[in-house]
Amino acid sequence: MSFTSQCIVRLKSERKRLALNQADAAALCGVSRETWGKYERGSMVPGGDVLLSFAINGANVQYILTGEEDGGVTLTRDELELVNNFRTAPLAIKAAAMAALTAGNSASKTITVSGKGNRVAGRDFNENKK
């Protein structure tokens, strides 16, 4: 199987999706910018180590090689870093992260009450206040 022109186009599109220029992609993958340019021109083929590094940094290598999406969610570099840090964090840090990420979610705006004798009050209700 050769590194076809479609693979070259997909390699470049993955780099752009990750908002990387050639120099940044090359640095992440441990090659020179010139070598990366050769990959995108089709005069060189990236090896497994380069593709692995690119995948670790958020690229969808299955898509690059086959043109098929993996069916899952493709993460950006920031999202991938967040997930990796979350997975290795202590439980207390995970709880704090979840609390921070869900703090902005508001409760339901509508409340339905049925039956007789029910009282509905806002947040400042005090039954004993006169």
N, C-alpha and C. Protein backbone atom coordinates (compact mmCIF):
# COMPACT_ATOMS: atom_id res chain seq x y z
N MET A 1 0.85 -1.18 0.00
CA MET A 1 0.00 0.00 0.00
C MET A 1 0.89 1.24 0.00
N SER A 2 0.60 2.17 -0.85
CA SER A 2 1.43 3.38 -0.94
C SER A 2 0.74 4.55 -0.23
N PHE A 3 1.55 5.53 0.06
CA PHE A 3 1.04 6.76 0.66
C PHE A 3 0.50 7.60 -0.48
N THR A 4 -0.77 7.44 -0.79
CA THR A 4 -1.39 8.02 -1.97
C THR A 4 -1.59 9.52 -1.85
N SER A 5 -1.99 10.12 -2.97
CA SER A 5 -2.25 11.56 -2.97
C SER A 5 -3.39 11.91 -2.02
N GLN A 6 -4.34 10.98 -1.84
CA GLN A 6 -5.43 11.24 -0.89
C GLN A 6 -4.89 11.30 0.54
N CYS A 7 -3.93 10.43 0.85
CA CYS A 7 -3.32 10.45 2.19
C CYS A 7 -2.61 11.77 2.43
N ILE A 8 -1.95 12.27 1.40
CA ILE A 8 -1.23 13.53 1.51
C ILE A 8 -2.21 14.66 1.82
N VAL A 9 -3.33 14.68 1.09
CA VAL A 9 -4.35 15.71 1.32
C VAL A 9 -4.92 15.59 2.73
N ARG A 10 -5.17 14.37 3.18
CA ARG A 10 -5.74 14.17 4.52
C ARG A 10 -4.73 14.51 5.62
N LEU A 11 -3.44 14.23 5.39
CA LEU A 11 -2.40 14.61 6.35
C LEU A 11 -2.41 16.12 6.56
N LYS A 12 -2.47 16.84 5.46
CA LYS A 12 -2.49 18.30 5.52
C LYS A 12 -3.78 18.80 6.18
N SER A 13 -4.91 18.17 5.86
CA SER A 13 -6.18 18.62 6.45
C SER A 13 -6.22 18.37 7.96
N GLU A 14 -5.62 17.26 8.41
CA GLU A 14 -5.56 17.01 9.85
C GLU A 14 -4.66 18.03 10.54
N ARG A 15 -3.55 18.38 9.91
CA ARG A 15 -2.67 19.40 10.48
C ARG A 15 -3.43 20.72 10.62
N LYS A 16 -4.17 21.08 9.58
CA LYS A 16 -4.92 22.33 9.62
C LYS A 16 -6.07 22.27 10.63
N ARG A 17 -6.73 21.11 10.74
CA ARG A 17 -7.81 20.97 11.72
C ARG A 17 -7.28 21.20 13.13
N LEU A 18 -6.05 20.78 13.38
CA LEU A 18 -5.43 20.97 14.69
C LEU A 18 -4.83 22.36 14.85
N ALA A 19 -5.02 23.21 13.84
CA ALA A 19 -4.52 24.60 13.86
C ALA A 19 -3.01 24.65 14.02
N LEU A 20 -2.32 23.77 13.29
CA LEU A 20 -0.86 23.73 13.33
C LEU A 20 -0.30 24.18 11.99
N ASN A 21 0.82 24.89 12.04
CA ASN A 21 1.55 25.12 10.80
C ASN A 21 2.52 23.96 10.63
N GLN A 22 3.22 23.92 9.50
CA GLN A 22 4.13 22.81 9.25
C GLN A 22 5.22 22.70 10.31
N ALA A 23 5.75 23.83 10.73
CA ALA A 23 6.83 23.82 11.74
C ALA A 23 6.33 23.24 13.06
N ASP A 24 5.12 23.62 13.47
CA ASP A 24 4.56 23.10 14.73
C ASP A 24 4.31 21.60 14.65
N ALA A 25 3.72 21.16 13.55
CA ALA A 25 3.45 19.73 13.37
C ALA A 25 4.76 18.95 13.36
N ALA A 26 5.75 19.48 12.67
CA ALA A 26 7.06 18.81 12.60
C ALA A 26 7.68 18.69 13.99
N ALA A 27 7.61 19.77 14.76
CA ALA A 27 8.20 19.75 16.11
C ALA A 27 7.49 18.73 17.00
N LEU A 28 6.16 18.67 16.91
CA LEU A 28 5.41 17.70 17.71
C LEU A 28 5.76 16.26 17.35
N CYS A 29 6.12 16.05 16.09
CA CYS A 29 6.39 14.69 15.60
C CYS A 29 7.87 14.36 15.53
N GLY A 30 8.73 15.29 15.94
CA GLY A 30 10.16 15.01 16.01
C GLY A 30 10.88 15.00 14.68
N VAL A 31 10.37 15.76 13.72
CA VAL A 31 11.05 15.87 12.42
C VAL A 31 11.24 17.35 12.09
N SER A 32 12.01 17.62 11.06
CA SER A 32 12.23 19.02 10.66
C SER A 32 11.04 19.53 9.85
N ARG A 33 10.91 20.84 9.76
CA ARG A 33 9.85 21.43 8.95
C ARG A 33 10.02 21.02 7.49
N GLU A 34 11.26 20.93 7.04
CA GLU A 34 11.52 20.53 5.66
C GLU A 34 11.01 19.11 5.41
N THR A 35 11.25 18.22 6.36
CA THR A 35 10.76 16.84 6.22
C THR A 35 9.24 16.82 6.19
N TRP A 36 8.62 17.60 7.07
CA TRP A 36 7.15 17.64 7.08
C TRP A 36 6.62 18.14 5.73
N GLY A 37 7.27 19.15 5.19
CA GLY A 37 6.88 19.65 3.87
C GLY A 37 6.97 18.56 2.81
N LYS A 38 7.99 17.72 2.91
CA LYS A 38 8.14 16.61 1.96
C LYS A 38 7.00 15.60 2.12
N TYR A 39 6.55 15.38 3.35
CA TYR A 39 5.39 14.50 3.56
C TYR A 39 4.17 15.06 2.83
N GLU A 40 3.95 16.37 2.99
CA GLU A 40 2.77 16.98 2.40
C GLU A 40 2.88 17.15 0.89
N ARG A 41 4.09 17.11 0.35
CA ARG A 41 4.27 17.14 -1.10
C ARG A 41 4.30 15.74 -1.71
N GLY A 42 4.41 14.73 -0.86
CA GLY A 42 4.42 13.36 -1.34
C GLY A 42 5.77 12.84 -1.75
N SER A 43 6.85 13.57 -1.46
CA SER A 43 8.18 13.09 -1.82
C SER A 43 8.80 12.22 -0.73
N MET A 44 8.18 12.19 0.45
CA MET A 44 8.58 11.30 1.54
C MET A 44 7.32 10.76 2.21
N VAL A 45 7.45 9.60 2.83
CA VAL A 45 6.33 8.98 3.53
C VAL A 45 6.64 8.99 5.03
N PRO A 46 5.70 9.51 5.86
CA PRO A 46 5.94 9.50 7.30
C PRO A 46 5.93 8.06 7.83
N GLY A 47 6.85 7.78 8.73
CA GLY A 47 6.92 6.45 9.33
C GLY A 47 5.92 6.31 10.47
N GLY A 48 5.87 5.12 11.00
CA GLY A 48 4.95 4.84 12.09
C GLY A 48 5.19 5.69 13.31
N ASP A 49 6.46 5.99 13.61
CA ASP A 49 6.76 6.82 14.78
C ASP A 49 6.24 8.24 14.61
N VAL A 50 6.31 8.75 13.39
CA VAL A 50 5.80 10.10 13.11
C VAL A 50 4.28 10.10 13.22
N LEU A 51 3.63 9.10 12.63
CA LEU A 51 2.18 9.03 12.69
C LEU A 51 1.69 8.82 14.12
N LEU A 52 2.42 8.03 14.90
CA LEU A 52 2.07 7.83 16.31
C LEU A 52 2.14 9.16 17.07
N SER A 53 3.22 9.90 16.86
CA SER A 53 3.36 11.21 17.53
C SER A 53 2.24 12.15 17.11
N PHE A 54 1.89 12.12 15.83
CA PHE A 54 0.81 12.97 15.33
C PHE A 54 -0.51 12.57 15.98
N ALA A 55 -0.74 11.27 16.13
CA ALA A 55 -1.97 10.78 16.77
C ALA A 55 -2.02 11.18 18.24
N ILE A 56 -0.91 11.08 18.93
CA ILE A 56 -0.85 11.45 20.35
C ILE A 56 -1.21 12.92 20.53
N ASN A 57 -0.93 13.71 19.51
CA ASN A 57 -1.22 15.14 19.57
C ASN A 57 -2.57 15.49 18.94
N GLY A 58 -3.42 14.48 18.74
CA GLY A 58 -4.80 14.75 18.34
C GLY A 58 -5.19 14.42 16.93
N ALA A 59 -4.26 14.01 16.09
CA ALA A 59 -4.59 13.70 14.70
C ALA A 59 -5.31 12.35 14.61
N ASN A 60 -6.20 12.24 13.66
CA ASN A 60 -6.91 10.99 13.40
C ASN A 60 -6.15 10.25 12.30
N VAL A 61 -5.23 9.39 12.70
CA VAL A 61 -4.37 8.69 11.75
C VAL A 61 -5.16 7.68 10.92
N GLN A 62 -6.20 7.10 11.51
CA GLN A 62 -7.05 6.20 10.71
C GLN A 62 -7.63 6.94 9.53
N TYR A 63 -8.09 8.16 9.75
CA TYR A 63 -8.62 8.98 8.66
C TYR A 63 -7.54 9.29 7.64
N ILE A 64 -6.34 9.65 8.10
CA ILE A 64 -5.25 9.98 7.18
C ILE A 64 -4.95 8.80 6.26
N LEU A 65 -4.88 7.60 6.81
CA LEU A 65 -4.47 6.43 6.03
C LEU A 65 -5.60 5.83 5.20
N THR A 66 -6.83 5.84 5.71
CA THR A 66 -7.91 5.14 5.02
C THR A 66 -9.00 6.06 4.48
N GLY A 67 -9.07 7.27 4.99
CA GLY A 67 -10.15 8.17 4.59
C GLY A 67 -11.43 7.93 5.37
N GLU A 68 -11.40 6.95 6.27
CA GLU A 68 -12.58 6.62 7.06
C GLU A 68 -12.45 7.18 8.46
N GLU A 69 -13.53 7.81 8.91
CA GLU A 69 -13.56 8.29 10.29
C GLU A 69 -13.66 7.08 11.21
N ASP A 70 -13.19 7.22 12.42
CA ASP A 70 -13.24 6.10 13.36
C ASP A 70 -14.59 5.96 14.04
N GLY A 71 -15.53 6.84 13.74
CA GLY A 71 -16.86 6.76 14.33
C GLY A 71 -16.95 7.41 15.69
N GLY A 72 -15.83 7.68 16.30
CA GLY A 72 -15.81 8.33 17.60
C GLY A 72 -15.63 9.82 17.45
N VAL A 73 -15.45 10.46 18.54
CA VAL A 73 -15.23 11.89 18.56
C VAL A 73 -13.73 12.16 18.41
N THR A 74 -13.38 13.05 17.50
CA THR A 74 -11.99 13.44 17.34
C THR A 74 -11.72 14.63 18.25
N LEU A 75 -10.73 14.50 19.11
CA LEU A 75 -10.43 15.54 20.08
C LEU A 75 -9.37 16.49 19.57
N THR A 76 -9.48 17.76 19.97
CA THR A 76 -8.42 18.71 19.69
C THR A 76 -7.26 18.45 20.65
N ARG A 77 -6.14 19.11 20.44
CA ARG A 77 -5.00 18.93 21.34
C ARG A 77 -5.35 19.31 22.77
N ASP A 78 -6.07 20.43 22.94
CA ASP A 78 -6.46 20.88 24.28
C ASP A 78 -7.38 19.86 24.95
N GLU A 79 -8.35 19.35 24.19
CA GLU A 79 -9.26 18.36 24.75
C GLU A 79 -8.53 17.07 25.12
N LEU A 80 -7.62 16.66 24.27
CA LEU A 80 -6.84 15.45 24.54
C LEU A 80 -6.00 15.62 25.80
N GLU A 81 -5.38 16.79 25.95
CA GLU A 81 -4.58 17.06 27.14
C GLU A 81 -5.46 17.06 28.39
N LEU A 82 -6.65 17.66 28.28
CA LEU A 82 -7.58 17.68 29.41
C LEU A 82 -7.98 16.26 29.81
N VAL A 83 -8.32 15.43 28.84
CA VAL A 83 -8.71 14.05 29.12
C VAL A 83 -7.56 13.27 29.76
N ASN A 84 -6.37 13.40 29.20
CA ASN A 84 -5.21 12.69 29.75
C ASN A 84 -4.90 13.12 31.18
N ASN A 85 -4.96 14.43 31.43
CA ASN A 85 -4.72 14.93 32.79
C ASN A 85 -5.81 14.46 33.75
N PHE A 86 -7.06 14.45 33.28
CA PHE A 86 -8.17 14.02 34.12
C PHE A 86 -8.01 12.55 34.51
N ARG A 87 -7.63 11.73 33.56
CA ARG A 87 -7.49 10.29 33.82
C ARG A 87 -6.42 9.98 34.86
N THR A 88 -5.39 10.79 34.93
CA THR A 88 -4.30 10.52 35.87
C THR A 88 -4.41 11.31 37.17
N ALA A 89 -5.44 12.14 37.28
CA ALA A 89 -5.59 12.99 38.47
C ALA A 89 -6.15 12.21 39.65
N PRO A 90 -5.81 12.65 40.87
CA PRO A 90 -6.42 12.06 42.07
C PRO A 90 -7.93 12.35 42.09
N LEU A 91 -8.67 11.58 42.84
CA LEU A 91 -10.12 11.70 42.90
C LEU A 91 -10.56 13.11 43.30
N ALA A 92 -9.88 13.73 44.25
CA ALA A 92 -10.26 15.08 44.70
C ALA A 92 -10.13 16.09 43.56
N ILE A 93 -9.10 15.96 42.76
CA ILE A 93 -8.90 16.86 41.62
C ILE A 93 -9.98 16.62 40.57
N LYS A 94 -10.31 15.35 40.33
CA LYS A 94 -11.38 15.03 39.38
C LYS A 94 -12.70 15.65 39.83
N ALA A 95 -13.00 15.55 41.13
CA ALA A 95 -14.23 16.12 41.66
C ALA A 95 -14.24 17.64 41.50
N ALA A 96 -13.11 18.28 41.78
CA ALA A 96 -13.02 19.74 41.63
C ALA A 96 -13.18 20.14 40.17
N ALA A 97 -12.58 19.38 39.27
CA ALA A 97 -12.68 19.68 37.84
C ALA A 97 -14.13 19.55 37.37
N MET A 98 -14.79 18.50 37.79
CA MET A 98 -16.19 18.31 37.41
C MET A 98 -17.06 19.42 37.98
N ALA A 99 -16.80 19.81 39.23
CA ALA A 99 -17.56 20.90 39.84
C ALA A 99 -17.36 22.20 39.07
N ALA A 100 -16.13 22.48 38.70
CA ALA A 100 -15.84 23.71 37.96
C ALA A 100 -16.49 23.69 36.58
N LEU A 101 -16.47 22.55 35.92
CA LEU A 101 -17.02 22.46 34.57
C LEU A 101 -18.54 22.47 34.55
N THR A 102 -19.17 22.04 35.62
CA THR A 102 -20.63 22.00 35.65
C THR A 102 -21.24 23.16 36.43
N ALA A 103 -20.43 24.04 37.00
CA ALA A 103 -20.93 25.15 37.81
C ALA A 103 -21.81 26.10 37.02
N GLY A 104 -21.57 26.25 35.75
CA GLY A 104 -22.34 27.19 34.94
C GLY A 104 -23.66 26.64 34.45
N ASN A 105 -23.91 25.37 34.65
CA ASN A 105 -25.17 24.79 34.19
C ASN A 105 -26.30 25.24 35.10
N SER A 106 -27.37 25.72 34.49
CA SER A 106 -28.49 26.20 35.29
C SER A 106 -29.52 25.09 35.46
N ALA A 107 -30.27 25.22 36.52
CA ALA A 107 -31.33 24.25 36.79
C ALA A 107 -32.47 24.48 35.81
N SER A 108 -33.38 23.56 35.78
CA SER A 108 -34.54 23.66 34.91
C SER A 108 -35.31 24.95 35.23
N LYS A 109 -35.80 25.62 34.20
CA LYS A 109 -36.52 26.88 34.39
C LYS A 109 -37.99 26.65 34.73
N THR A 110 -38.54 25.50 34.41
CA THR A 110 -39.94 25.24 34.67
C THR A 110 -40.11 24.14 35.70
N ILE A 111 -41.06 24.37 36.58
CA ILE A 111 -41.38 23.39 37.61
C ILE A 111 -42.88 23.14 37.52
N THR A 112 -43.27 21.89 37.47
CA THR A 112 -44.68 21.53 37.43
C THR A 112 -45.08 20.94 38.77
N VAL A 113 -46.12 21.51 39.37
CA VAL A 113 -46.61 21.03 40.66
C VAL A 113 -48.06 20.60 40.46
N SER A 114 -48.39 19.41 40.94
CA SER A 114 -49.78 18.95 40.83
C SER A 114 -50.27 18.52 42.21
N GLY A 115 -51.57 18.39 42.33
CA GLY A 115 -52.16 18.00 43.61
C GLY A 115 -52.69 19.20 44.36
N LYS A 116 -53.21 18.95 45.57
CA LYS A 116 -53.80 20.02 46.38
C LYS A 116 -52.91 20.33 47.57
N GLY A 117 -52.94 21.56 48.02
CA GLY A 117 -52.25 21.95 49.23
C GLY A 117 -50.75 22.17 49.06
N ASN A 118 -50.29 22.24 47.85
CA ASN A 118 -48.87 22.46 47.60
C ASN A 118 -48.57 23.94 47.57
N ARG A 119 -47.42 24.32 48.07
CA ARG A 119 -46.96 25.71 48.00
C ARG A 119 -45.67 25.74 47.21
N VAL A 120 -45.56 26.70 46.32
CA VAL A 120 -44.36 26.86 45.52
C VAL A 120 -43.77 28.22 45.87
N ALA A 121 -42.50 28.25 46.19
CA ALA A 121 -41.86 29.50 46.59
C ALA A 121 -40.54 29.66 45.85
N GLY A 122 -40.11 30.91 45.78
CA GLY A 122 -38.81 31.20 45.18
C GLY A 122 -37.69 30.91 46.16
N ARG A 123 -36.51 31.38 45.85
CA ARG A 123 -35.34 31.02 46.65
C ARG A 123 -35.27 31.69 48.02
N ASP A 124 -35.99 32.82 48.21
CA ASP A 124 -35.90 33.55 49.47
C ASP A 124 -37.08 33.28 50.40
N PHE A 125 -37.79 32.21 50.19
CA PHE A 125 -38.96 31.89 51.01
C PHE A 125 -38.53 31.44 52.40
N ASN A 126 -39.18 32.01 53.42
CA ASN A 126 -38.95 31.60 54.81
C ASN A 126 -40.31 31.50 55.47
N GLU A 127 -40.73 30.29 55.79
CA GLU A 127 -42.07 30.05 56.33
C GLU A 127 -42.28 30.73 57.68
N ASN A 128 -41.24 30.89 58.46
CA ASN A 128 -41.37 31.47 59.80
C ASN A 128 -41.22 32.99 59.80
N LYS A 129 -40.91 33.59 58.68
CA LYS A 129 -40.69 35.03 58.61
C LYS A 129 -42.03 35.75 58.65
N LYS A 130 -42.13 36.81 59.48
CA LYS A 130 -43.39 37.56 59.61
C LYS A 130 -43.25 38.95 59.12
